[in-house]
Amino acid sequence: MTAPGDAIGPAAILVCVDSMPIWARALRDPNPIHVDAEAARAAGLGDRVINQGPANIGYLVNAVLAHFPGGTIERMDFRFIDNVRGGDVATASGVVRSVEATRQGARVECDMVLAVDGNAVLTGTATLLTSG
């Protein structure tokens, strides 16, 4: 039974530079900082390409759904704190904040964190409906 305080993850994700052009096309995001390290450098963002924000959110979504197979996300509220760069190892984790019984199942609110080198780069909450 899911209870407040239950841990989600952690899940380590190697941020693959080769996937960034694919994300850029899928998101129709022409910003060169995602595919060209020189553009990231010129923008003052360091020497590596910057991962797309929706991909970072996807890491947290995958972590919470892996913990609650068959769950349906009802709401997400995330805050970007810092960039994730190509070649980083991001760690997705979380903790169950609350569990509410409903007619449809359990509504679970989770505090989620994406971190790189122990530093939070994306934080927020995910609320989902689970069958148990």
Foldseek 3Di string as FASTA:
>chain_A
DDFFFDKFDWDKDQAALVCQVVVCVVVVPPQCLSNDQVSCVVVVNDRFRWHDPVVVVVNQVVRVCVVFPPKAWDDWDKDFDHTDGHRFIKIKMWTWHHWDQDPQAIWTKIWIFIDTPPHTGMTTIIIIGGHD
